[in-house]
Amino acid sequence: MKKALLGGWLACLMCLVAISNGDAADKVIKMSTTTSTQASGLLDVLLPELQEDTGIEVKVIAKGTGAAIRDGMDGNVDVIFVHAIDREKQFVADGYGTKRYPVMHNDFVILGPKSDPAGIQGMTDAVAAFKRIATAKAMFVSRGDDSGTHTKEQALWKATGLPMKTVTREIVKKGKAREVRFTHPEGLGKWYMSIGQGMGKTIVFTDEKQAYTLADRGTYIKYKLGRDQGLGLEVLCEGDKALYNPYGVIPVNPEKFADANPPIQHDLAKAFAEWLVSPKGQSLIANYRLMGKPLFFPDAIPNAK
């Protein structure tokens, strides 16, 4: 009898452990996000704290904002964390996301070599700086990957009033090919280079070519100060309101993907989003620094300490 009771007790204990492990395994969400949140090192700070506070584990898929938004539109992820505010608002308006949570911002900067052949150093008008680069036919490197940075770059080029062309190209990232349609000034393949890569690789390529590029400040600081090999590029144009770069997080709408298998983890995605805009999440963002320099600034609680 005692053996039978002991055996029953052990069986119950194993069931409880299995249930507990199952609950932990269920608290996993998939997030598609821009490469800058990963390349800057910010996620390495945020996600362990999130898991400690909530038990939620986030599987990160880092890619350009356009591709991240498409992941959400295809129901392949539970949440997106990106930086192309007009496209984010459209994502929600079209019913793919339930709500956009404003999380943080940094800014874009125009990088170039110290020699500065286009003479843009010290300029605060980004459109005028782009026009000067084009006039000088100084080499410019574009991400060309439908990212938030690429979206901003195209808007700046269009604002110059220069003749523009629209092309469709196939790019390959992590072994996957997809078509990207983009607008660019005349000179593609001559002085204007489109490489279909993320921010980090674009910065390194631009440095090698001693060219110009548009980058988010956070990734630039990471590559300039956070690597042994450093970076020769300098910030030559900054401070324009047009270079403001806000980031938002959006849980994917489960009603849009009622038949998804596995189902969209909306409750967990919402909990993640609300944690990011909580005093704890906003404080971590406000205090994240590299070599003493802040990389992002909180938007949900601007005065977070």
C-alpha atoms as a PDB file:
ATOM      1  CA  MET A   1       0.000   0.000   0.000  1.00  0.00           C
ATOM      2  CA  LYS A   2       2.795   2.403   0.939  1.00  0.00           C
ATOM      3  CA  LYS A   3       4.572   1.670  -2.346  1.00  0.00           C
ATOM      4  CA  ALA A   4       1.365   2.312  -4.256  1.00  0.00           C
ATOM      5  CA  LEU A   5       0.831   5.633  -2.456  1.00  0.00           C
ATOM      6  CA  LEU A   6       4.434   6.639  -3.019  1.00  0.00           C
ATOM      7  CA  GLY A   7       4.163   5.731  -6.674  1.00  0.00           C
ATOM      8  CA  GLY A   8       0.956   7.760  -7.002  1.00  0.00           C
ATOM      9  CA  TRP A   9       2.533  10.750  -5.275  1.00  0.00           C
ATOM     10  CA  LEU A  10       5.573  10.630  -7.557  1.00  0.00           C
ATOM     11  CA  ALA A  11       3.314  10.393 -10.608  1.00  0.00           C
ATOM     12  CA  CYS A  12       1.388  13.464  -9.471  1.00  0.00           C
ATOM     13  CA  LEU A  13       4.630  15.354  -8.825  1.00  0.00           C
ATOM     14  CA  MET A  14       5.877  14.536 -12.318  1.00  0.00           C
ATOM     15  CA  CYS A  15       2.591  15.757 -13.792  1.00  0.00           C
ATOM     16  CA  LEU A  16       2.921  19.052 -11.910  1.00  0.00           C
ATOM     17  CA  VAL A  17       6.486  19.479 -13.156  1.00  0.00           C
ATOM     18  CA  ALA A  18       5.369  18.729 -16.697  1.00  0.00           C
ATOM     19  CA  ILE A  19       2.518  21.237 -16.432  1.00  0.00           C
ATOM     20  CA  SER A  20       4.877  23.849 -14.975  1.00  0.00           C
ATOM     21  CA  ASN A  21       7.365  23.286 -17.787  1.00  0.00           C
ATOM     22  CA  GLY A  22       4.563  23.444 -20.299  1.00  0.00           C
ATOM     23  CA  ASP A  23       3.415  26.789 -18.904  1.00  0.00           C
ATOM     24  CA  ALA A  24       6.990  28.122 -19.163  1.00  0.00           C
ATOM     25  CA  ALA A  25       7.300  26.852 -22.717  1.00  0.00           C
ATOM     26  CA  ASP A  26       4.006  28.552 -23.587  1.00  0.00           C
ATOM     27  CA  LYS A  27       5.409  31.944 -22.535  1.00  0.00           C
ATOM     28  CA  VAL A  28       7.461  32.257 -25.698  1.00  0.00           C
ATOM     29  CA  ILE A  29       6.716  34.809 -28.395  1.00  0.00           C
ATOM     30  CA  LYS A  30       8.263  35.496 -31.779  1.00  0.00           C
ATOM     31  CA  MET A  31       9.255  39.056 -32.574  1.00  0.00           C
ATOM     32  CA  SER A  32      10.318  40.476 -35.904  1.00  0.00           C
ATOM     33  CA  THR A  33      12.352  43.626 -35.412  1.00  0.00           C
ATOM     34  CA  THR A  34      14.652  46.009 -37.193  1.00  0.00           C
ATOM     35  CA  THR A  35      18.346  45.176 -37.208  1.00  0.00           C
ATOM     36  CA  SER A  36      19.159  48.369 -35.293  1.00  0.00           C
ATOM     37  CA  THR A  37      17.517  47.180 -32.063  1.00  0.00           C
ATOM     38  CA  GLN A  38      19.715  44.082 -32.194  1.00  0.00           C
ATOM     39  CA  ALA A  39      22.917  45.589 -33.622  1.00  0.00           C
ATOM     40  CA  SER A  40      22.888  48.365 -31.013  1.00  0.00           C
ATOM     41  CA  GLY A  41      22.917  45.799 -28.200  1.00  0.00           C
ATOM     42  CA  LEU A  42      19.688  47.148 -26.671  1.00  0.00           C
ATOM     43  CA  LEU A  43      17.818  43.834 -26.835  1.00  0.00           C
ATOM     44  CA  ASP A  44      20.638  42.156 -24.915  1.00  0.00           C
ATOM     45  CA  VAL A  45      19.719  44.434 -22.012  1.00  0.00           C
ATOM     46  CA  LEU A  46      15.930  44.467 -22.315  1.00  0.00           C
ATOM     47  CA  LEU A  47      15.014  40.843 -22.978  1.00  0.00           C
ATOM     48  CA  PRO A  48      16.698  39.181 -19.955  1.00  0.00           C
ATOM     49  CA  GLU A  49      15.002  41.734 -17.666  1.00  0.00           C
ATOM     50  CA  LEU A  50      11.666  41.095 -19.381  1.00  0.00           C
ATOM     51  CA  GLN A  51      12.004  37.352 -18.835  1.00  0.00           C
ATOM     52  CA  GLU A  52      12.960  37.815 -15.200  1.00  0.00           C
ATOM     53  CA  ASP A  53       9.967  40.101 -14.558  1.00  0.00           C
ATOM     54  CA  THR A  54       7.307  38.302 -16.612  1.00  0.00           C
ATOM     55  CA  GLY A  55       8.620  34.866 -17.568  1.00  0.00           C
ATOM     56  CA  ILE A  56       8.173  35.799 -21.233  1.00  0.00           C
ATOM     57  CA  GLU A  57      10.917  34.649 -23.598  1.00  0.00           C
ATOM     58  CA  VAL A  58      11.276  36.459 -26.914  1.00  0.00           C
ATOM     59  CA  LYS A  59      12.583  34.730 -30.020  1.00  0.00           C
ATOM     60  CA  VAL A  60      14.117  37.527 -32.106  1.00  0.00           C
ATOM     61  CA  ILE A  61      14.062  37.697 -35.901  1.00  0.00           C
ATOM     62  CA  ALA A  62      16.130  40.730 -36.931  1.00  0.00           C
ATOM     63  CA  LYS A  63      15.671  42.153 -40.422  1.00  0.00           C
ATOM     64  CA  GLY A  64      14.741  45.371 -42.188  1.00  0.00           C
ATOM     65  CA  THR A  65      11.556  47.091 -41.050  1.00  0.00           C
ATOM     66  CA  GLY A  66       9.749  46.339 -44.318  1.00  0.00           C
ATOM     67  CA  ALA A  67      10.459  42.619 -43.973  1.00  0.00           C
ATOM     68  CA  ALA A  68       9.534  42.722 -40.276  1.00  0.00           C
ATOM     69  CA  ILE A  69       6.185  44.319 -41.095  1.00  0.00           C
ATOM     70  CA  ARG A  70       5.570  41.658 -43.753  1.00  0.00           C
ATOM     71  CA  ASP A  71       6.227  38.991 -41.111  1.00  0.00           C
ATOM     72  CA  GLY A  72       3.410  40.553 -39.106  1.00  0.00           C
ATOM     73  CA  MET A  73       1.142  40.763 -42.150  1.00  0.00           C
ATOM     74  CA  ASP A  74       1.750  37.076 -42.836  1.00  0.00           C
ATOM     75  CA  GLY A  75       1.020  36.079 -39.240  1.00  0.00           C
ATOM     76  CA  ASN A  76       4.494  34.605 -38.853  1.00  0.00           C
ATOM     77  CA  VAL A  77       5.236  36.448 -35.591  1.00  0.00           C
ATOM     78  CA  ASP A  78       3.388  37.627 -32.497  1.00  0.00           C
ATOM     79  CA  VAL A  79       4.774  41.159 -32.335  1.00  0.00           C
ATOM     80  CA  ILE A  80       6.817  43.616 -34.405  1.00  0.00           C
ATOM     81  CA  PHE A  81       9.230  46.266 -33.076  1.00  0.00           C
ATOM     82  CA  VAL A  82      10.146  48.642 -35.912  1.00  0.00           C
ATOM     83  CA  HIS A  83      10.837  52.235 -36.962  1.00  0.00           C
ATOM     84  CA  ALA A  84       8.759  53.476 -39.899  1.00  0.00           C
ATOM     85  CA  ILE A  85       5.889  55.305 -38.227  1.00  0.00           C
ATOM     86  CA  ASP A  86       3.651  55.824 -41.284  1.00  0.00           C
ATOM     87  CA  ARG A  87       3.913  52.160 -42.219  1.00  0.00           C
ATOM     88  CA  GLU A  88       3.299  51.164 -38.590  1.00  0.00           C
ATOM     89  CA  LYS A  89       0.099  53.242 -38.462  1.00  0.00           C
ATOM     90  CA  GLN A  90      -1.041  51.663 -41.720  1.00  0.00           C
ATOM     91  CA  PHE A  91      -0.300  48.198 -40.310  1.00  0.00           C
ATOM     92  CA  VAL A  92      -2.722  48.915 -37.455  1.00  0.00           C
ATOM     93  CA  ALA A  93      -5.286  50.651 -39.684  1.00  0.00           C
ATOM     94  CA  ASP A  94      -5.366  47.605 -41.966  1.00  0.00           C
ATOM     95  CA  GLY A  95      -6.142  45.381 -38.992  1.00  0.00           C
ATOM     96  CA  TYR A  96      -2.829  43.514 -38.814  1.00  0.00           C
ATOM     97  CA  GLY A  97      -1.871  45.026 -35.470  1.00  0.00           C
ATOM     98  CA  THR A  98      -3.999  45.832 -32.430  1.00  0.00           C
ATOM     99  CA  LYS A  99      -2.174  48.951 -31.210  1.00  0.00           C
ATOM    100  CA  ARG A 100       1.047  50.873 -31.783  1.00  0.00           C
ATOM    101  CA  TYR A 101       2.919  51.585 -28.558  1.00  0.00           C
ATOM    102  CA  PRO A 102       5.453  54.449 -28.871  1.00  0.00           C
ATOM    103  CA  VAL A 103       8.594  53.100 -27.214  1.00  0.00           C
ATOM    104  CA  MET A 104      11.622  55.268 -27.937  1.00  0.00           C
ATOM    105  CA  HIS A 105      13.482  57.318 -30.508  1.00  0.00           C
ATOM    106  CA  ASN A 106      16.933  58.206 -31.664  1.00  0.00           C
ATOM    107  CA  ASP A 107      17.858  60.009 -34.847  1.00  0.00           C
ATOM    108  CA  PHE A 108      19.365  59.422 -38.230  1.00  0.00           C
ATOM    109  CA  VAL A 109      22.703  60.937 -39.175  1.00  0.00           C
ATOM    110  CA  ILE A 110      24.533  61.310 -42.464  1.00  0.00           C
ATOM    111  CA  LEU A 111      27.942  59.680 -42.234  1.00  0.00           C
ATOM    112  CA  GLY A 112      30.933  60.243 -44.447  1.00  0.00           C
ATOM    113  CA  PRO A 113      34.723  60.218 -44.610  1.00  0.00           C
ATOM    114  CA  LYS A 114      36.863  62.881 -42.982  1.00  0.00           C
ATOM    115  CA  SER A 115      37.916  64.044 -46.452  1.00  0.00           C
ATOM    116  CA  ASP A 116      34.233  64.954 -47.103  1.00  0.00           C
ATOM    117  CA  PRO A 117      34.444  65.423 -50.893  1.00  0.00           C
ATOM    118  CA  ALA A 118      30.858  66.747 -51.077  1.00  0.00           C
ATOM    119  CA  GLY A 119      31.518  69.375 -48.398  1.00  0.00           C
ATOM    120  CA  ILE A 120      28.538  68.629 -46.134  1.00  0.00           C
ATOM    121  CA  GLN A 121      30.292  68.763 -42.757  1.00  0.00           C
ATOM    122  CA  GLY A 122      28.349  70.851 -40.251  1.00  0.00           C
ATOM    123  CA  MET A 123      25.166  70.993 -42.321  1.00  0.00           C
ATOM    124  CA  THR A 124      21.845  70.633 -40.477  1.00  0.00           C
ATOM    125  CA  ASP A 125      19.631  70.409 -43.572  1.00  0.00           C
ATOM    126  CA  ALA A 126      19.574  66.746 -44.586  1.00  0.00           C
ATOM    127  CA  VAL A 127      17.857  67.314 -47.929  1.00  0.00           C
ATOM    128  CA  ALA A 128      20.414  69.980 -48.906  1.00  0.00           C
ATOM    129  CA  ALA A 129      23.227  67.629 -47.851  1.00  0.00           C
ATOM    130  CA  PHE A 130      21.828  64.825 -50.033  1.00  0.00           C
ATOM    131  CA  LYS A 131      21.549  67.215 -52.969  1.00  0.00           C
ATOM    132  CA  ARG A 132      25.164  68.308 -52.510  1.00  0.00           C
ATOM    133  CA  ILE A 133      26.328  64.656 -52.437  1.00  0.00           C
ATOM    134  CA  ALA A 134      24.447  63.975 -55.682  1.00  0.00           C
ATOM    135  CA  THR A 135      25.780  67.121 -57.362  1.00  0.00           C
ATOM    136  CA  ALA A 136      29.335  66.126 -56.459  1.00  0.00           C
ATOM    137  CA  LYS A 137      28.605  62.512 -57.557  1.00  0.00           C
ATOM    138  CA  ALA A 138      30.346  61.446 -54.355  1.00  0.00           C
ATOM    139  CA  MET A 139      29.788  57.772 -53.594  1.00  0.00           C
ATOM    140  CA  PHE A 140      26.678  57.108 -51.513  1.00  0.00           C
ATOM    141  CA  VAL A 141      25.849  53.671 -50.118  1.00  0.00           C
ATOM    142  CA  SER A 142      22.204  52.769 -49.575  1.00  0.00           C
ATOM    143  CA  ARG A 143      20.965  49.842 -47.507  1.00  0.00           C
ATOM    144  CA  GLY A 144      18.501  49.161 -50.316  1.00  0.00           C
ATOM    145  CA  ASP A 145      16.661  46.624 -48.144  1.00  0.00           C
ATOM    146  CA  ASP A 146      13.212  48.177 -47.554  1.00  0.00           C
ATOM    147  CA  SER A 147      14.156  48.911 -43.938  1.00  0.00           C
ATOM    148  CA  GLY A 148      13.019  51.899 -41.901  1.00  0.00           C
ATOM    149  CA  THR A 149      16.351  53.552 -42.662  1.00  0.00           C
ATOM    150  CA  HIS A 150      15.913  52.871 -46.370  1.00  0.00           C
ATOM    151  CA  THR A 151      12.380  54.306 -46.209  1.00  0.00           C
ATOM    152  CA  LYS A 152      13.697  57.510 -44.617  1.00  0.00           C
ATOM    153  CA  GLU A 153      16.528  57.731 -47.152  1.00  0.00           C
ATOM    154  CA  GLN A 154      14.102  57.508 -50.082  1.00  0.00           C
ATOM    155  CA  ALA A 155      11.929  60.267 -48.574  1.00  0.00           C
ATOM    156  CA  LEU A 156      14.975  62.543 -48.316  1.00  0.00           C
ATOM    157  CA  TRP A 157      16.022  61.868 -51.912  1.00  0.00           C
ATOM    158  CA  LYS A 158      12.495  62.596 -53.169  1.00  0.00           C
ATOM    159  CA  ALA A 159      12.527  65.895 -51.260  1.00  0.00           C
ATOM    160  CA  THR A 160      15.660  67.045 -53.148  1.00  0.00           C
ATOM    161  CA  GLY A 161      13.682  67.494 -56.375  1.00  0.00           C
ATOM    162  CA  LEU A 162      16.348  65.588 -58.289  1.00  0.00           C
ATOM    163  CA  PRO A 163      15.305  63.254 -61.129  1.00  0.00           C
ATOM    164  CA  MET A 164      14.341  59.915 -59.592  1.00  0.00           C
ATOM    165  CA  LYS A 165      13.966  56.381 -60.894  1.00  0.00           C
ATOM    166  CA  THR A 166      12.085  53.409 -59.472  1.00  0.00           C
ATOM    167  CA  VAL A 167      13.422  49.875 -59.823  1.00  0.00           C
ATOM    168  CA  THR A 168      12.635  46.400 -58.538  1.00  0.00           C
ATOM    169  CA  ARG A 169      15.544  44.267 -57.447  1.00  0.00           C
ATOM    170  CA  GLU A 170      16.044  40.901 -55.814  1.00  0.00           C
ATOM    171  CA  ILE A 171      18.041  40.914 -52.595  1.00  0.00           C
ATOM    172  CA  VAL A 172      19.258  37.904 -50.625  1.00  0.00           C
ATOM    173  CA  LYS A 173      19.483  37.932 -46.835  1.00  0.00           C
ATOM    174  CA  LYS A 174      20.320  34.890 -44.750  1.00  0.00           C
ATOM    175  CA  GLY A 175      19.874  32.712 -47.798  1.00  0.00           C
ATOM    176  CA  LYS A 176      16.370  34.011 -48.572  1.00  0.00           C
ATOM    177  CA  ALA A 177      15.647  35.946 -51.750  1.00  0.00           C
ATOM    178  CA  ARG A 178      12.933  38.574 -52.069  1.00  0.00           C
ATOM    179  CA  GLU A 179      12.086  41.479 -54.332  1.00  0.00           C
ATOM    180  CA  VAL A 180      12.461  45.063 -53.166  1.00  0.00           C
ATOM    181  CA  ARG A 181      11.019  48.025 -55.042  1.00  0.00           C
ATOM    182  CA  PHE A 182      12.698  51.346 -54.352  1.00  0.00           C
ATOM    183  CA  THR A 183      13.228  54.869 -55.658  1.00  0.00           C
ATOM    184  CA  HIS A 184      16.684  56.370 -56.104  1.00  0.00           C
ATOM    185  CA  PRO A 185      18.427  59.318 -57.775  1.00  0.00           C
ATOM    186  CA  GLU A 186      20.013  58.833 -61.178  1.00  0.00           C
ATOM    187  CA  GLY A 187      23.438  57.247 -60.884  1.00  0.00           C
ATOM    188  CA  LEU A 188      22.646  53.747 -59.606  1.00  0.00           C
ATOM    189  CA  GLY A 189      25.729  51.567 -59.999  1.00  0.00           C
ATOM    190  CA  LYS A 190      27.924  54.630 -60.613  1.00  0.00           C
ATOM    191  CA  TRP A 191      28.077  56.951 -57.616  1.00  0.00           C
ATOM    192  CA  TYR A 192      24.929  55.560 -55.921  1.00  0.00           C
ATOM    193  CA  MET A 193      25.360  52.031 -54.543  1.00  0.00           C
ATOM    194  CA  SER A 194      22.440  49.904 -53.319  1.00  0.00           C
ATOM    195  CA  ILE A 195      23.690  46.826 -51.456  1.00  0.00           C
ATOM    196  CA  GLY A 196      20.599  45.206 -49.889  1.00  0.00           C
ATOM    197  CA  GLN A 197      22.187  44.782 -46.448  1.00  0.00           C
ATOM    198  CA  GLY A 198      21.479  45.625 -42.817  1.00  0.00           C
ATOM    199  CA  MET A 199      22.764  48.700 -41.029  1.00  0.00           C
ATOM    200  CA  GLY A 200      25.938  47.192 -39.610  1.00  0.00           C
ATOM    201  CA  LYS A 201      27.152  45.749 -42.902  1.00  0.00           C
ATOM    202  CA  THR A 202      26.212  48.964 -44.702  1.00  0.00           C
ATOM    203  CA  ILE A 203      28.260  51.061 -42.277  1.00  0.00           C
ATOM    204  CA  VAL A 204      31.287  48.766 -42.649  1.00  0.00           C
ATOM    205  CA  PHE A 205      31.003  48.755 -46.458  1.00  0.00           C
ATOM    206  CA  THR A 206      30.652  52.553 -46.507  1.00  0.00           C
ATOM    207  CA  ASP A 207      33.758  52.873 -44.347  1.00  0.00           C
ATOM    208  CA  GLU A 208      35.721  50.613 -46.690  1.00  0.00           C
ATOM    209  CA  LYS A 209      34.641  52.685 -49.700  1.00  0.00           C
ATOM    210  CA  GLN A 210      35.099  56.021 -47.876  1.00  0.00           C
ATOM    211  CA  ALA A 211      31.616  56.936 -49.000  1.00  0.00           C
ATOM    212  CA  TYR A 212      28.489  58.520 -47.501  1.00  0.00           C
ATOM    213  CA  THR A 213      25.450  56.792 -46.015  1.00  0.00           C
ATOM    214  CA  LEU A 214      22.407  57.388 -43.824  1.00  0.00           C
ATOM    215  CA  ALA A 215      22.465  55.538 -40.500  1.00  0.00           C
ATOM    216  CA  ASP A 216      20.640  55.484 -37.194  1.00  0.00           C
ATOM    217  CA  ARG A 217      22.806  57.044 -34.513  1.00  0.00           C
ATOM    218  CA  GLY A 218      22.568  54.052 -32.176  1.00  0.00           C
ATOM    219  CA  THR A 219      24.112  51.587 -34.613  1.00  0.00           C
ATOM    220  CA  TYR A 220      26.748  54.134 -35.627  1.00  0.00           C
ATOM    221  CA  ILE A 221      27.843  54.609 -32.001  1.00  0.00           C
ATOM    222  CA  LYS A 222      27.914  50.838 -31.505  1.00  0.00           C
ATOM    223  CA  TYR A 223      30.237  50.399 -34.505  1.00  0.00           C
ATOM    224  CA  LYS A 224      32.313  53.518 -33.821  1.00  0.00           C
ATOM    225  CA  LEU A 225      32.956  52.969 -30.117  1.00  0.00           C
ATOM    226  CA  GLY A 226      31.936  49.408 -29.378  1.00  0.00           C
ATOM    227  CA  ARG A 227      34.425  47.538 -31.581  1.00  0.00           C
ATOM    228  CA  ASP A 228      38.178  47.106 -31.292  1.00  0.00           C
ATOM    229  CA  GLN A 229      38.641  48.037 -34.949  1.00  0.00           C
ATOM    230  CA  GLY A 230      36.611  51.238 -34.591  1.00  0.00           C
ATOM    231  CA  LEU A 231      35.280  53.160 -37.579  1.00  0.00           C
ATOM    232  CA  GLY A 232      36.685  55.925 -39.747  1.00  0.00           C
ATOM    233  CA  LEU A 233      33.351  57.484 -40.689  1.00  0.00           C
ATOM    234  CA  GLU A 234      32.252  60.740 -39.077  1.00  0.00           C
ATOM    235  CA  VAL A 235      28.847  62.298 -38.447  1.00  0.00           C
ATOM    236  CA  LEU A 236      28.798  65.102 -41.011  1.00  0.00           C
ATOM    237  CA  CYS A 237      25.125  66.146 -40.987  1.00  0.00           C
ATOM    238  CA  GLU A 238      22.764  65.951 -37.996  1.00  0.00           C
ATOM    239  CA  GLY A 239      20.100  67.821 -36.076  1.00  0.00           C
ATOM    240  CA  ASP A 240      17.441  68.136 -38.793  1.00  0.00           C
ATOM    241  CA  LYS A 241      13.859  67.443 -37.623  1.00  0.00           C
ATOM    242  CA  ALA A 242      13.530  65.306 -40.744  1.00  0.00           C
ATOM    243  CA  LEU A 243      16.080  62.905 -39.209  1.00  0.00           C
ATOM    244  CA  TYR A 244      13.924  62.077 -36.158  1.00  0.00           C
ATOM    245  CA  ASN A 245      13.628  58.280 -35.819  1.00  0.00           C
ATOM    246  CA  PRO A 246      10.800  56.904 -33.608  1.00  0.00           C
ATOM    247  CA  TYR A 247      10.368  53.214 -32.765  1.00  0.00           C
ATOM    248  CA  GLY A 248       7.070  51.475 -32.042  1.00  0.00           C
ATOM    249  CA  VAL A 249       6.023  48.014 -30.879  1.00  0.00           C
ATOM    250  CA  ILE A 250       2.813  46.441 -32.217  1.00  0.00           C
ATOM    251  CA  PRO A 251       1.189  43.162 -31.133  1.00  0.00           C
ATOM    252  CA  VAL A 252      -0.176  41.226 -34.115  1.00  0.00           C
ATOM    253  CA  ASN A 253      -3.974  40.973 -34.280  1.00  0.00           C
ATOM    254  CA  PRO A 254      -5.074  37.377 -33.574  1.00  0.00           C
ATOM    255  CA  GLU A 255      -8.456  37.982 -35.243  1.00  0.00           C
ATOM    256  CA  LYS A 256      -6.659  38.473 -38.548  1.00  0.00           C
ATOM    257  CA  PHE A 257      -5.128  35.008 -38.194  1.00  0.00           C
ATOM    258  CA  ALA A 258      -7.815  32.964 -36.480  1.00  0.00           C
ATOM    259  CA  ASP A 259      -6.588  29.756 -38.137  1.00  0.00           C
ATOM    260  CA  ALA A 260      -2.894  30.331 -37.444  1.00  0.00           C
ATOM    261  CA  ASN A 261      -0.993  27.279 -36.218  1.00  0.00           C
ATOM    262  CA  PRO A 262       0.545  27.897 -33.772  1.00  0.00           C
ATOM    263  CA  PRO A 263      -1.939  30.610 -32.741  1.00  0.00           C
ATOM    264  CA  ILE A 264      -0.887  34.239 -32.343  1.00  0.00           C
ATOM    265  CA  GLN A 265       0.200  34.802 -28.727  1.00  0.00           C
ATOM    266  CA  HIS A 266      -1.527  38.148 -28.415  1.00  0.00           C
ATOM    267  CA  ASP A 267      -1.839  38.264 -24.627  1.00  0.00           C
ATOM    268  CA  LEU A 268       1.893  37.652 -24.210  1.00  0.00           C
ATOM    269  CA  ALA A 269       2.751  40.094 -27.007  1.00  0.00           C
ATOM    270  CA  LYS A 270       0.587  42.738 -25.343  1.00  0.00           C
ATOM    271  CA  ALA A 271       2.266  42.053 -21.993  1.00  0.00           C
ATOM    272  CA  PHE A 272       5.657  42.496 -23.670  1.00  0.00           C
ATOM    273  CA  ALA A 273       4.582  45.792 -25.275  1.00  0.00           C
ATOM    274  CA  GLU A 274       3.187  47.101 -21.987  1.00  0.00           C
ATOM    275  CA  TRP A 275       6.400  46.116 -20.186  1.00  0.00           C
ATOM    276  CA  LEU A 276       8.444  48.082 -22.734  1.00  0.00           C
ATOM    277  CA  VAL A 277       6.431  51.232 -22.027  1.00  0.00           C
ATOM    278  CA  SER A 278       6.336  50.649 -18.253  1.00  0.00           C
ATOM    279  CA  PRO A 279       8.572  52.638 -15.868  1.00  0.00           C
ATOM    280  CA  LYS A 280      10.978  49.648 -15.730  1.00  0.00           C
ATOM    281  CA  GLY A 281      11.275  49.248 -19.506  1.00  0.00           C
ATOM    282  CA  GLN A 282      11.543  52.973 -20.141  1.00  0.00           C
ATOM    283  CA  SER A 283      14.193  53.354 -17.449  1.00  0.00           C
ATOM    284  CA  LEU A 284      16.314  50.605 -18.995  1.00  0.00           C
ATOM    285  CA  ILE A 285      16.092  52.357 -22.371  1.00  0.00           C
ATOM    286  CA  ALA A 286      16.931  55.758 -20.873  1.00  0.00           C
ATOM    287  CA  ASN A 287      19.988  54.373 -19.095  1.00  0.00           C
ATOM    288  CA  TYR A 288      21.354  52.215 -21.908  1.00  0.00           C
ATOM    289  CA  ARG A 289      24.685  53.702 -22.902  1.00  0.00           C
ATOM    290  CA  LEU A 290      27.754  52.806 -24.849  1.00  0.00           C
ATOM    291  CA  MET A 291      31.009  54.456 -23.789  1.00  0.00           C
ATOM    292  CA  GLY A 292      28.896  56.903 -21.809  1.00  0.00           C
ATOM    293  CA  LYS A 293      26.735  57.885 -24.782  1.00  0.00           C
ATOM    294  CA  PRO A 294      22.960  57.295 -24.823  1.00  0.00           C
ATOM    295  CA  LEU A 295      21.731  55.385 -27.868  1.00  0.00           C
ATOM    296  CA  PHE A 296      17.957  55.745 -27.449  1.00  0.00           C
ATOM    297  CA  PHE A 297      15.526  58.047 -25.659  1.00  0.00           C
ATOM    298  CA  PRO A 298      12.239  56.816 -24.128  1.00  0.00           C
ATOM    299  CA  ASP A 299       8.964  58.088 -25.617  1.00  0.00           C
ATOM    300  CA  ALA A 300       6.276  56.540 -23.383  1.00  0.00           C
ATOM    301  CA  ILE A 301       7.858  58.142 -20.295  1.00  0.00           C
ATOM    302  CA  PRO A 302      10.182  60.852 -21.689  1.00  0.00           C
ATOM    303  CA  ASN A 303      11.578  61.762 -18.263  1.00  0.00           C
ATOM    304  CA  ALA A 304      12.296  58.178 -17.229  1.00  0.00           C
ATOM    305  CA  LYS A 305      15.337  57.884 -14.972  1.00  0.00           C
END
